[in-house]
Amino acid sequence: MELIDIREVNKNIKLDIRYATKNNFTNEKLYSKHICLLRKEVCLALDKVQKELEKQNLSLIIWDGYRPHMVQKILFSKFSDTNYVAKNSNHAKGVSVDVSLCDKKGKELKMPTDFDDFSEKAGTKFTNLTKEKILNRNLLSSVMKKHGFLQNKLEWWHFDFVPLVNSTNFNINI
């Protein structure tokens, strides 16, 4: 198995790769490139999600995909609460993705929190939110689940592609 750039499968998916910028909880640029690598099967599933969202004039926006183990170690050293930052992450297998919703122009929809919010508001069961935020979170969740993803209950934006979670064999193709 190999990792590929999501843009090879669907160029309409928006990217805001937060760890390629300082706009993340570490305030450091951790990636040298603004790309999203994932397993091919994950990319194909996200393509289906994107096509379904386009029917509603919406788009996925990806904040993170494949995450090298060395970056995961940096994240864990900055915030070592294993409820939110794992020592070993499925991101390192290329089967996890951090996503949100935006309109076709890239304007993000209102969601419960921003990316990497380590509070109870980020949880999928948190309800002290506006109706709009709950509806948007539920829409993202339902479309992702329909196409094989399982949502992390503490992070509304984090999804694992279920068919590949226990798989480890891959190569990087940049």
C-alpha atoms as a PDB file:
ATOM      1  CA  MET A   1       0.000   0.000   0.000  1.00  0.00           C
ATOM      2  CA  GLU A   2       1.151   3.549  -0.619  1.00  0.00           C
ATOM      3  CA  LEU A   3       0.325   7.059   0.486  1.00  0.00           C
ATOM      4  CA  ILE A   4      -0.818   9.505  -2.162  1.00  0.00           C
ATOM      5  CA  ASP A   5      -1.743  13.176  -2.260  1.00  0.00           C
ATOM      6  CA  ILE A   6      -5.526  13.619  -1.901  1.00  0.00           C
ATOM      7  CA  ARG A   7      -5.385  16.184  -4.715  1.00  0.00           C
ATOM      8  CA  GLU A   8      -4.501  13.359  -7.139  1.00  0.00           C
ATOM      9  CA  VAL A   9      -7.957  11.912  -6.462  1.00  0.00           C
ATOM     10  CA  ASN A  10     -10.069  15.030  -5.972  1.00  0.00           C
ATOM     11  CA  LYS A  11      -8.851  18.585  -6.602  1.00  0.00           C
ATOM     12  CA  ASN A  12     -12.066  20.108  -5.230  1.00  0.00           C
ATOM     13  CA  ILE A  13     -11.294  19.157  -1.630  1.00  0.00           C
ATOM     14  CA  LYS A  14      -9.945  22.229   0.158  1.00  0.00           C
ATOM     15  CA  LEU A  15      -6.707  22.052   2.129  1.00  0.00           C
ATOM     16  CA  ASP A  16      -5.722  24.014   5.221  1.00  0.00           C
ATOM     17  CA  ILE A  17      -2.910  21.815   6.483  1.00  0.00           C
ATOM     18  CA  ARG A  18      -2.479  23.365   9.900  1.00  0.00           C
ATOM     19  CA  TYR A  19       0.828  21.700  10.803  1.00  0.00           C
ATOM     20  CA  ALA A  20       2.366  23.175   7.634  1.00  0.00           C
ATOM     21  CA  THR A  21       1.703  26.576   9.228  1.00  0.00           C
ATOM     22  CA  LYS A  22       2.047  28.097  12.684  1.00  0.00           C
ATOM     23  CA  ASN A  23      -1.761  28.091  12.992  1.00  0.00           C
ATOM     24  CA  ASN A  24      -1.902  25.105  15.342  1.00  0.00           C
ATOM     25  CA  PHE A  25      -1.640  24.525  19.077  1.00  0.00           C
ATOM     26  CA  THR A  26       2.181  24.264  18.980  1.00  0.00           C
ATOM     27  CA  ASN A  27       2.533  27.630  17.180  1.00  0.00           C
ATOM     28  CA  GLU A  28       5.242  25.903  15.107  1.00  0.00           C
ATOM     29  CA  LYS A  29       5.452  24.852  11.466  1.00  0.00           C
ATOM     30  CA  LEU A  30       5.873  21.067  11.644  1.00  0.00           C
ATOM     31  CA  TYR A  31       5.482  20.078   7.966  1.00  0.00           C
ATOM     32  CA  SER A  32       7.561  21.397   5.084  1.00  0.00           C
ATOM     33  CA  LYS A  33       4.817  20.907   2.462  1.00  0.00           C
ATOM     34  CA  HIS A  34       1.166  21.927   2.338  1.00  0.00           C
ATOM     35  CA  ILE A  35      -0.134  18.560   1.101  1.00  0.00           C
ATOM     36  CA  CYS A  36      -2.371  15.840   2.476  1.00  0.00           C
ATOM     37  CA  LEU A  37      -1.075  12.315   2.082  1.00  0.00           C
ATOM     38  CA  LEU A  38      -3.352   9.363   2.809  1.00  0.00           C
ATOM     39  CA  ARG A  39      -3.783   5.745   1.852  1.00  0.00           C
ATOM     40  CA  LYS A  40      -5.369   5.381  -1.582  1.00  0.00           C
ATOM     41  CA  GLU A  41      -8.473   3.710  -0.150  1.00  0.00           C
ATOM     42  CA  VAL A  42      -8.940   6.643   2.240  1.00  0.00           C
ATOM     43  CA  CYS A  43      -8.597   9.102  -0.650  1.00  0.00           C
ATOM     44  CA  LEU A  44     -11.214   7.202  -2.658  1.00  0.00           C
ATOM     45  CA  ALA A  45     -13.628   7.281   0.291  1.00  0.00           C
ATOM     46  CA  LEU A  46     -13.025  11.019   0.788  1.00  0.00           C
ATOM     47  CA  ASP A  47     -13.714  11.525  -2.920  1.00  0.00           C
ATOM     48  CA  LYS A  48     -17.180  10.000  -2.353  1.00  0.00           C
ATOM     49  CA  VAL A  49     -17.714  12.239   0.670  1.00  0.00           C
ATOM     50  CA  GLN A  50     -16.709  15.298  -1.369  1.00  0.00           C
ATOM     51  CA  LYS A  51     -19.023  14.417  -4.265  1.00  0.00           C
ATOM     52  CA  GLU A  52     -21.935  14.002  -1.873  1.00  0.00           C
ATOM     53  CA  LEU A  53     -21.186  17.340  -0.187  1.00  0.00           C
ATOM     54  CA  GLU A  54     -20.927  19.102  -3.559  1.00  0.00           C
ATOM     55  CA  LYS A  55     -24.606  18.291  -4.136  1.00  0.00           C
ATOM     56  CA  GLN A  56     -25.263  20.622  -1.172  1.00  0.00           C
ATOM     57  CA  ASN A  57     -22.791  23.271  -2.438  1.00  0.00           C
ATOM     58  CA  LEU A  58     -20.345  22.295   0.316  1.00  0.00           C
ATOM     59  CA  SER A  59     -16.829  20.944   0.470  1.00  0.00           C
ATOM     60  CA  LEU A  60     -14.517  19.118   2.800  1.00  0.00           C
ATOM     61  CA  ILE A  61     -11.604  21.074   4.170  1.00  0.00           C
ATOM     62  CA  ILE A  62      -8.721  18.937   5.395  1.00  0.00           C
ATOM     63  CA  TRP A  63      -6.591  20.066   8.314  1.00  0.00           C
ATOM     64  CA  ASP A  64      -4.386  16.965   8.583  1.00  0.00           C
ATOM     65  CA  GLY A  65      -3.878  13.501   7.112  1.00  0.00           C
ATOM     66  CA  TYR A  66      -0.757  11.361   7.274  1.00  0.00           C
ATOM     67  CA  ARG A  67       1.399  12.483  10.176  1.00  0.00           C
ATOM     68  CA  PRO A  68       4.956  11.207  10.515  1.00  0.00           C
ATOM     69  CA  HIS A  69       5.722   9.528  13.844  1.00  0.00           C
ATOM     70  CA  MET A  70       8.365  12.171  14.636  1.00  0.00           C
ATOM     71  CA  VAL A  71       5.694  14.895  14.367  1.00  0.00           C
ATOM     72  CA  GLN A  72       3.394  12.872  16.608  1.00  0.00           C
ATOM     73  CA  LYS A  73       6.193  12.763  19.190  1.00  0.00           C
ATOM     74  CA  ILE A  74       6.515  16.561  19.024  1.00  0.00           C
ATOM     75  CA  LEU A  75       2.759  16.974  19.490  1.00  0.00           C
ATOM     76  CA  PHE A  76       2.780  14.604  22.455  1.00  0.00           C
ATOM     77  CA  SER A  77       5.702  16.468  24.027  1.00  0.00           C
ATOM     78  CA  LYS A  78       3.703  19.717  23.770  1.00  0.00           C
ATOM     79  CA  PHE A  79       0.428  18.278  25.099  1.00  0.00           C
ATOM     80  CA  SER A  80       0.721  14.866  26.729  1.00  0.00           C
ATOM     81  CA  ASP A  81      -2.944  14.250  27.530  1.00  0.00           C
ATOM     82  CA  THR A  82      -3.526  10.901  25.810  1.00  0.00           C
ATOM     83  CA  ASN A  83      -7.250  11.655  25.579  1.00  0.00           C
ATOM     84  CA  TYR A  84      -6.366  14.173  22.866  1.00  0.00           C
ATOM     85  CA  VAL A  85      -2.843  13.471  21.625  1.00  0.00           C
ATOM     86  CA  ALA A  86      -1.907   9.822  21.254  1.00  0.00           C
ATOM     87  CA  LYS A  87       1.629   8.526  21.579  1.00  0.00           C
ATOM     88  CA  ASN A  88       0.958   6.408  18.503  1.00  0.00           C
ATOM     89  CA  SER A  89      -1.648   7.722  16.121  1.00  0.00           C
ATOM     90  CA  ASN A  90      -3.564   6.257  13.204  1.00  0.00           C
ATOM     91  CA  HIS A  91      -2.459   9.398  11.379  1.00  0.00           C
ATOM     92  CA  ALA A  92       0.962   7.693  11.089  1.00  0.00           C
ATOM     93  CA  LYS A  93      -0.721   4.843   9.180  1.00  0.00           C
ATOM     94  CA  GLY A  94      -2.336   7.234   6.698  1.00  0.00           C
ATOM     95  CA  VAL A  95      -5.836   6.142   7.737  1.00  0.00           C
ATOM     96  CA  SER A  96      -6.891   9.141   9.845  1.00  0.00           C
ATOM     97  CA  VAL A  97      -7.989  12.537   8.660  1.00  0.00           C
ATOM     98  CA  ASP A  98      -8.906  15.783  10.408  1.00  0.00           C
ATOM     99  CA  VAL A  99     -11.637  17.582   8.473  1.00  0.00           C
ATOM    100  CA  SER A 100     -14.305  20.232   8.587  1.00  0.00           C
ATOM    101  CA  LEU A 101     -16.869  21.672   6.204  1.00  0.00           C
ATOM    102  CA  CYS A 102     -16.732  24.792   4.100  1.00  0.00           C
ATOM    103  CA  ASP A 103     -18.658  26.367   1.276  1.00  0.00           C
ATOM    104  CA  LYS A 104     -17.441  26.101  -2.330  1.00  0.00           C
ATOM    105  CA  LYS A 105     -15.350  29.269  -1.892  1.00  0.00           C
ATOM    106  CA  GLY A 106     -13.550  27.838   1.142  1.00  0.00           C
ATOM    107  CA  LYS A 107     -15.362  29.732   3.895  1.00  0.00           C
ATOM    108  CA  GLU A 108     -15.592  27.373   6.846  1.00  0.00           C
ATOM    109  CA  LEU A 109     -18.989  26.555   8.264  1.00  0.00           C
ATOM    110  CA  LYS A 110     -19.604  27.227  11.935  1.00  0.00           C
ATOM    111  CA  MET A 111     -18.550  24.218  13.949  1.00  0.00           C
ATOM    112  CA  PRO A 112     -18.349  23.547  17.700  1.00  0.00           C
ATOM    113  CA  THR A 113     -14.668  24.550  17.967  1.00  0.00           C
ATOM    114  CA  ASP A 114     -11.590  25.235  15.907  1.00  0.00           C
ATOM    115  CA  PHE A 115      -9.077  22.468  15.155  1.00  0.00           C
ATOM    116  CA  ASP A 116      -7.096  21.060  18.090  1.00  0.00           C
ATOM    117  CA  ASP A 117      -9.397  22.397  20.783  1.00  0.00           C
ATOM    118  CA  PHE A 118      -8.717  20.290  23.853  1.00  0.00           C
ATOM    119  CA  SER A 119     -11.918  21.088  25.714  1.00  0.00           C
ATOM    120  CA  GLU A 120     -15.212  19.309  26.248  1.00  0.00           C
ATOM    121  CA  LYS A 121     -16.732  21.496  23.508  1.00  0.00           C
ATOM    122  CA  ALA A 122     -14.803  19.419  20.946  1.00  0.00           C
ATOM    123  CA  GLY A 123     -16.630  16.245  21.972  1.00  0.00           C
ATOM    124  CA  THR A 124     -19.304  14.800  19.725  1.00  0.00           C
ATOM    125  CA  LYS A 125     -21.864  14.671  22.553  1.00  0.00           C
ATOM    126  CA  PHE A 126     -21.406  18.291  23.674  1.00  0.00           C
ATOM    127  CA  THR A 127     -24.740  20.068  23.216  1.00  0.00           C
ATOM    128  CA  ASN A 128     -24.348  23.559  24.688  1.00  0.00           C
ATOM    129  CA  LEU A 129     -23.908  24.937  21.170  1.00  0.00           C
ATOM    130  CA  THR A 130     -25.937  26.851  18.638  1.00  0.00           C
ATOM    131  CA  LYS A 131     -28.329  24.809  16.532  1.00  0.00           C
ATOM    132  CA  GLU A 132     -26.252  25.691  13.447  1.00  0.00           C
ATOM    133  CA  LYS A 133     -23.053  24.257  14.951  1.00  0.00           C
ATOM    134  CA  ILE A 134     -24.809  21.053  15.989  1.00  0.00           C
ATOM    135  CA  LEU A 135     -26.407  20.620  12.553  1.00  0.00           C
ATOM    136  CA  ASN A 136     -23.073  21.187  10.789  1.00  0.00           C
ATOM    137  CA  ARG A 137     -21.252  18.754  13.095  1.00  0.00           C
ATOM    138  CA  ASN A 138     -23.993  16.174  12.540  1.00  0.00           C
ATOM    139  CA  LEU A 139     -23.878  16.622   8.766  1.00  0.00           C
ATOM    140  CA  LEU A 140     -20.108  16.078   8.700  1.00  0.00           C
ATOM    141  CA  SER A 141     -20.410  13.055  10.957  1.00  0.00           C
ATOM    142  CA  SER A 142     -23.209  11.399   8.984  1.00  0.00           C
ATOM    143  CA  VAL A 143     -21.545  11.832   5.575  1.00  0.00           C
ATOM    144  CA  MET A 144     -18.179  10.590   6.838  1.00  0.00           C
ATOM    145  CA  LYS A 145     -19.711   7.580   8.599  1.00  0.00           C
ATOM    146  CA  LYS A 146     -21.721   6.717   5.469  1.00  0.00           C
ATOM    147  CA  HIS A 147     -18.428   6.300   3.592  1.00  0.00           C
ATOM    148  CA  GLY A 148     -16.590   4.118   6.114  1.00  0.00           C
ATOM    149  CA  PHE A 149     -15.197   6.531   8.695  1.00  0.00           C
ATOM    150  CA  LEU A 150     -15.474   6.352  12.473  1.00  0.00           C
ATOM    151  CA  GLN A 151     -15.501   9.637  14.386  1.00  0.00           C
ATOM    152  CA  ASN A 152     -13.361  10.205  17.475  1.00  0.00           C
ATOM    153  CA  LYS A 153     -15.818  10.973  20.284  1.00  0.00           C
ATOM    154  CA  LEU A 154     -13.525  13.632  21.835  1.00  0.00           C
ATOM    155  CA  GLU A 155     -12.670  15.440  18.583  1.00  0.00           C
ATOM    156  CA  TRP A 156     -15.551  16.164  16.207  1.00  0.00           C
ATOM    157  CA  TRP A 157     -13.025  16.729  13.328  1.00  0.00           C
ATOM    158  CA  HIS A 158     -11.047  13.454  13.650  1.00  0.00           C
ATOM    159  CA  PHE A 159     -12.077  10.408  11.596  1.00  0.00           C
ATOM    160  CA  ASP A 160     -10.452   6.994  11.117  1.00  0.00           C
ATOM    161  CA  PHE A 161     -11.107   4.953   7.984  1.00  0.00           C
ATOM    162  CA  VAL A 162     -12.404   1.764   9.582  1.00  0.00           C
ATOM    163  CA  PRO A 163     -11.440  -0.795   6.890  1.00  0.00           C
ATOM    164  CA  LEU A 164      -7.734   0.092   7.263  1.00  0.00           C
ATOM    165  CA  VAL A 165      -7.301   0.963  10.950  1.00  0.00           C
ATOM    166  CA  ASN A 166      -5.464  -2.300  11.737  1.00  0.00           C
ATOM    167  CA  SER A 167      -3.318  -2.167   8.594  1.00  0.00           C
ATOM    168  CA  THR A 168       0.324  -0.993   8.723  1.00  0.00           C
ATOM    169  CA  ASN A 169       1.985  -1.745   5.367  1.00  0.00           C
ATOM    170  CA  PHE A 170       2.493   1.357   3.201  1.00  0.00           C
ATOM    171  CA  ASN A 171       4.954   3.423   1.188  1.00  0.00           C
ATOM    172  CA  ILE A 172       5.067   7.182   0.767  1.00  0.00           C
ATOM    173  CA  ASN A 173       4.598   8.557  -2.760  1.00  0.00           C
ATOM    174  CA  ILE A 174       5.200  12.324  -2.865  1.00  0.00           C
END
